[in-house]
């Protein structure tokens, strides 16, 4: 459960960073090469950053599975009183991806919600 809390926030932050960089006209390959070597570096960045840019979401851990796990997390958090506002928000983003037909997409598909509707 702790892992899924971390991944939910991390993938959302990576999505926002990549979309920000794209809109700023940055060379995202260079950005990923640079920041992956520093404090922001992560497995998700190294293994999903490039595929997120290419809209490739046909591998990895499925959104449906993540929603199942986040349901368990949020249920336990309600029981033990742990506040999880970011996790709850990202769970709703994954719900939206499911509604768009992306339940089998990789969890890195969060980035699609940040793009203009016409590019989805």
C-alpha atoms as a PDB file:
ATOM      1  CA  UNK A   1       0.000   0.000   0.000  1.00  0.00           C
ATOM      2  CA  UNK A   2       2.830   2.379   0.838  1.00  0.00           C
ATOM      3  CA  UNK A   3       4.406   1.708  -2.572  1.00  0.00           C
ATOM      4  CA  UNK A   4       1.179   2.526  -4.418  1.00  0.00           C
ATOM      5  CA  UNK A   5       0.826   5.815  -2.515  1.00  0.00           C
ATOM      6  CA  UNK A   6       4.335   6.777  -3.639  1.00  0.00           C
ATOM      7  CA  UNK A   7       3.804   5.693  -7.246  1.00  0.00           C
ATOM      8  CA  UNK A   8       0.477   7.529  -7.579  1.00  0.00           C
ATOM      9  CA  UNK A   9       2.005  10.849  -6.608  1.00  0.00           C
ATOM     10  CA  UNK A  10       5.219  10.281  -8.517  1.00  0.00           C
ATOM     11  CA  UNK A  11       3.553   9.401 -11.831  1.00  0.00           C
ATOM     12  CA  UNK A  12       1.236  12.403 -11.573  1.00  0.00           C
ATOM     13  CA  UNK A  13       4.194  14.714 -10.895  1.00  0.00           C
ATOM     14  CA  UNK A  14       6.166  13.214 -13.799  1.00  0.00           C
ATOM     15  CA  UNK A  15       3.141  13.688 -16.062  1.00  0.00           C
ATOM     16  CA  UNK A  16       2.846  17.330 -15.074  1.00  0.00           C
ATOM     17  CA  UNK A  17       6.581  17.939 -15.510  1.00  0.00           C
ATOM     18  CA  UNK A  18       6.665  16.384 -18.975  1.00  0.00           C
ATOM     19  CA  UNK A  19       3.592  18.252 -20.166  1.00  0.00           C
ATOM     20  CA  UNK A  20       4.991  21.508 -18.759  1.00  0.00           C
ATOM     21  CA  UNK A  21       8.271  20.895 -20.582  1.00  0.00           C
ATOM     22  CA  UNK A  22       6.475  20.022 -23.830  1.00  0.00           C
ATOM     23  CA  UNK A  23       4.425  23.211 -23.707  1.00  0.00           C
ATOM     24  CA  UNK A  24       7.572  25.208 -22.906  1.00  0.00           C
ATOM     25  CA  UNK A  25       9.216  23.816 -26.043  1.00  0.00           C
ATOM     26  CA  UNK A  26      11.966  21.971 -24.190  1.00  0.00           C
ATOM     27  CA  UNK A  27      13.888  19.018 -25.592  1.00  0.00           C
ATOM     28  CA  UNK A  28      12.266  16.405 -23.355  1.00  0.00           C
ATOM     29  CA  UNK A  29      14.893  13.750 -24.057  1.00  0.00           C
ATOM     30  CA  UNK A  30      17.563  16.150 -22.805  1.00  0.00           C
ATOM     31  CA  UNK A  31      15.416  17.110 -19.821  1.00  0.00           C
ATOM     32  CA  UNK A  32      14.887  13.468 -18.865  1.00  0.00           C
ATOM     33  CA  UNK A  33      18.588  12.665 -19.325  1.00  0.00           C
ATOM     34  CA  UNK A  34      19.526  15.562 -17.070  1.00  0.00           C
ATOM     35  CA  UNK A  35      16.998  15.368 -14.265  1.00  0.00           C
ATOM     36  CA  UNK A  36      17.028  11.571 -14.044  1.00  0.00           C
ATOM     37  CA  UNK A  37      20.599  11.874 -12.726  1.00  0.00           C
ATOM     38  CA  UNK A  38      19.567  14.133  -9.836  1.00  0.00           C
ATOM     39  CA  UNK A  39      17.202  14.135  -6.892  1.00  0.00           C
ATOM     40  CA  UNK A  40      14.107  13.833  -9.115  1.00  0.00           C
ATOM     41  CA  UNK A  41      15.361  10.604 -10.699  1.00  0.00           C
ATOM     42  CA  UNK A  42      13.221   7.486 -10.354  1.00  0.00           C
ATOM     43  CA  UNK A  43      12.448   4.148 -11.962  1.00  0.00           C
ATOM     44  CA  UNK A  44       9.301   5.679 -13.416  1.00  0.00           C
ATOM     45  CA  UNK A  45      11.264   8.527 -14.986  1.00  0.00           C
ATOM     46  CA  UNK A  46      13.917   6.233 -16.446  1.00  0.00           C
ATOM     47  CA  UNK A  47      11.494   3.608 -17.715  1.00  0.00           C
ATOM     48  CA  UNK A  48       8.320   5.533 -18.532  1.00  0.00           C
ATOM     49  CA  UNK A  49       9.390   9.092 -19.327  1.00  0.00           C
ATOM     50  CA  UNK A  50      10.143   8.360 -22.973  1.00  0.00           C
ATOM     51  CA  UNK A  51       7.113   6.130 -23.468  1.00  0.00           C
ATOM     52  CA  UNK A  52       4.864   8.763 -21.902  1.00  0.00           C
ATOM     53  CA  UNK A  53       6.111  11.280 -24.476  1.00  0.00           C
ATOM     54  CA  UNK A  54       5.327   8.790 -27.252  1.00  0.00           C
ATOM     55  CA  UNK A  55       1.822   7.988 -25.923  1.00  0.00           C
ATOM     56  CA  UNK A  56       2.763   4.338 -25.447  1.00  0.00           C
ATOM     57  CA  UNK A  57       0.695   2.836 -22.640  1.00  0.00           C
ATOM     58  CA  UNK A  58       0.343  -0.816 -23.668  1.00  0.00           C
ATOM     59  CA  UNK A  59       2.584  -2.361 -20.990  1.00  0.00           C
ATOM     60  CA  UNK A  60       3.294  -2.180 -17.297  1.00  0.00           C
ATOM     61  CA  UNK A  61       0.867  -1.993 -14.415  1.00  0.00           C
ATOM     62  CA  UNK A  62      -2.711  -1.423 -15.620  1.00  0.00           C
ATOM     63  CA  UNK A  63      -4.915   1.431 -14.439  1.00  0.00           C
ATOM     64  CA  UNK A  64      -7.597  -1.098 -13.414  1.00  0.00           C
ATOM     65  CA  UNK A  65      -5.113  -2.809 -11.084  1.00  0.00           C
ATOM     66  CA  UNK A  66      -3.948   0.516  -9.675  1.00  0.00           C
ATOM     67  CA  UNK A  67      -7.524   1.561  -8.927  1.00  0.00           C
ATOM     68  CA  UNK A  68      -8.082  -1.736  -7.109  1.00  0.00           C
ATOM     69  CA  UNK A  69      -4.959  -1.146  -5.045  1.00  0.00           C
ATOM     70  CA  UNK A  70      -5.773   2.497  -4.363  1.00  0.00           C
ATOM     71  CA  UNK A  71      -9.231   1.429  -3.208  1.00  0.00           C
ATOM     72  CA  UNK A  72      -7.578  -0.813  -0.620  1.00  0.00           C
ATOM     73  CA  UNK A  73      -5.214   2.010   0.365  1.00  0.00           C
ATOM     74  CA  UNK A  74      -7.984   4.585   0.738  1.00  0.00           C
ATOM     75  CA  UNK A  75     -10.150   2.166   2.693  1.00  0.00           C
ATOM     76  CA  UNK A  76      -7.310   1.468   5.119  1.00  0.00           C
ATOM     77  CA  UNK A  77      -6.528   5.186   5.375  1.00  0.00           C
ATOM     78  CA  UNK A  78     -10.125   5.862   6.302  1.00  0.00           C
ATOM     79  CA  UNK A  79      -9.894   3.145   8.961  1.00  0.00           C
ATOM     80  CA  UNK A  80      -6.587   4.308  10.442  1.00  0.00           C
ATOM     81  CA  UNK A  81      -7.152   8.044  10.018  1.00  0.00           C
ATOM     82  CA  UNK A  82      -4.235   8.696   7.649  1.00  0.00           C
ATOM     83  CA  UNK A  83      -4.865  11.745   5.459  1.00  0.00           C
ATOM     84  CA  UNK A  84      -4.119  10.929   1.810  1.00  0.00           C
ATOM     85  CA  UNK A  85      -5.339  13.922  -0.220  1.00  0.00           C
ATOM     86  CA  UNK A  86      -2.948  13.481  -3.162  1.00  0.00           C
ATOM     87  CA  UNK A  87      -3.601   9.745  -3.392  1.00  0.00           C
ATOM     88  CA  UNK A  88      -7.367  10.340  -3.378  1.00  0.00           C
ATOM     89  CA  UNK A  89      -7.014  12.949  -6.119  1.00  0.00           C
ATOM     90  CA  UNK A  90      -4.855  10.710  -8.321  1.00  0.00           C
ATOM     91  CA  UNK A  91      -7.334   7.871  -7.796  1.00  0.00           C
ATOM     92  CA  UNK A  92     -10.000  10.129  -9.318  1.00  0.00           C
ATOM     93  CA  UNK A  93      -7.698  10.860 -12.264  1.00  0.00           C
ATOM     94  CA  UNK A  94      -7.319   7.110 -12.832  1.00  0.00           C
ATOM     95  CA  UNK A  95     -11.109   6.788 -12.628  1.00  0.00           C
ATOM     96  CA  UNK A  96     -11.346   9.323 -15.456  1.00  0.00           C
ATOM     97  CA  UNK A  97      -8.891   7.283 -17.543  1.00  0.00           C
ATOM     98  CA  UNK A  98     -11.081   4.216 -16.996  1.00  0.00           C
ATOM     99  CA  UNK A  99     -14.103   6.226 -18.166  1.00  0.00           C
ATOM    100  CA  UNK A 100     -12.161   7.102 -21.330  1.00  0.00           C
ATOM    101  CA  UNK A 101     -11.579   3.385 -21.992  1.00  0.00           C
ATOM    102  CA  UNK A 102      -8.034   3.243 -20.637  1.00  0.00           C
ATOM    103  CA  UNK A 103      -8.447   0.670 -17.881  1.00  0.00           C
ATOM    104  CA  UNK A 104      -5.839  -1.588 -19.488  1.00  0.00           C
ATOM    105  CA  UNK A 105      -3.390   1.246 -20.142  1.00  0.00           C
ATOM    106  CA  UNK A 106      -0.235   1.517 -18.074  1.00  0.00           C
ATOM    107  CA  UNK A 107      -0.458   3.782 -15.022  1.00  0.00           C
ATOM    108  CA  UNK A 108       1.790   6.305 -16.762  1.00  0.00           C
ATOM    109  CA  UNK A 109      -1.222   7.185 -18.927  1.00  0.00           C
ATOM    110  CA  UNK A 110      -2.047   9.913 -16.386  1.00  0.00           C
ATOM    111  CA  UNK A 111      -0.279  12.277 -18.766  1.00  0.00           C
ATOM    112  CA  UNK A 112      -3.130  11.941 -21.262  1.00  0.00           C
ATOM    113  CA  UNK A 113      -5.438  13.905 -18.965  1.00  0.00           C
ATOM    114  CA  UNK A 114      -3.133  16.928 -19.192  1.00  0.00           C
ATOM    115  CA  UNK A 115      -3.181  17.125 -22.968  1.00  0.00           C
ATOM    116  CA  UNK A 116      -5.714  19.019 -25.078  1.00  0.00           C
ATOM    117  CA  UNK A 117      -8.883  17.033 -25.713  1.00  0.00           C
ATOM    118  CA  UNK A 118      -8.247  16.878 -29.474  1.00  0.00           C
ATOM    119  CA  UNK A 119      -4.951  15.025 -28.950  1.00  0.00           C
ATOM    120  CA  UNK A 120      -6.506  12.241 -26.852  1.00  0.00           C
END
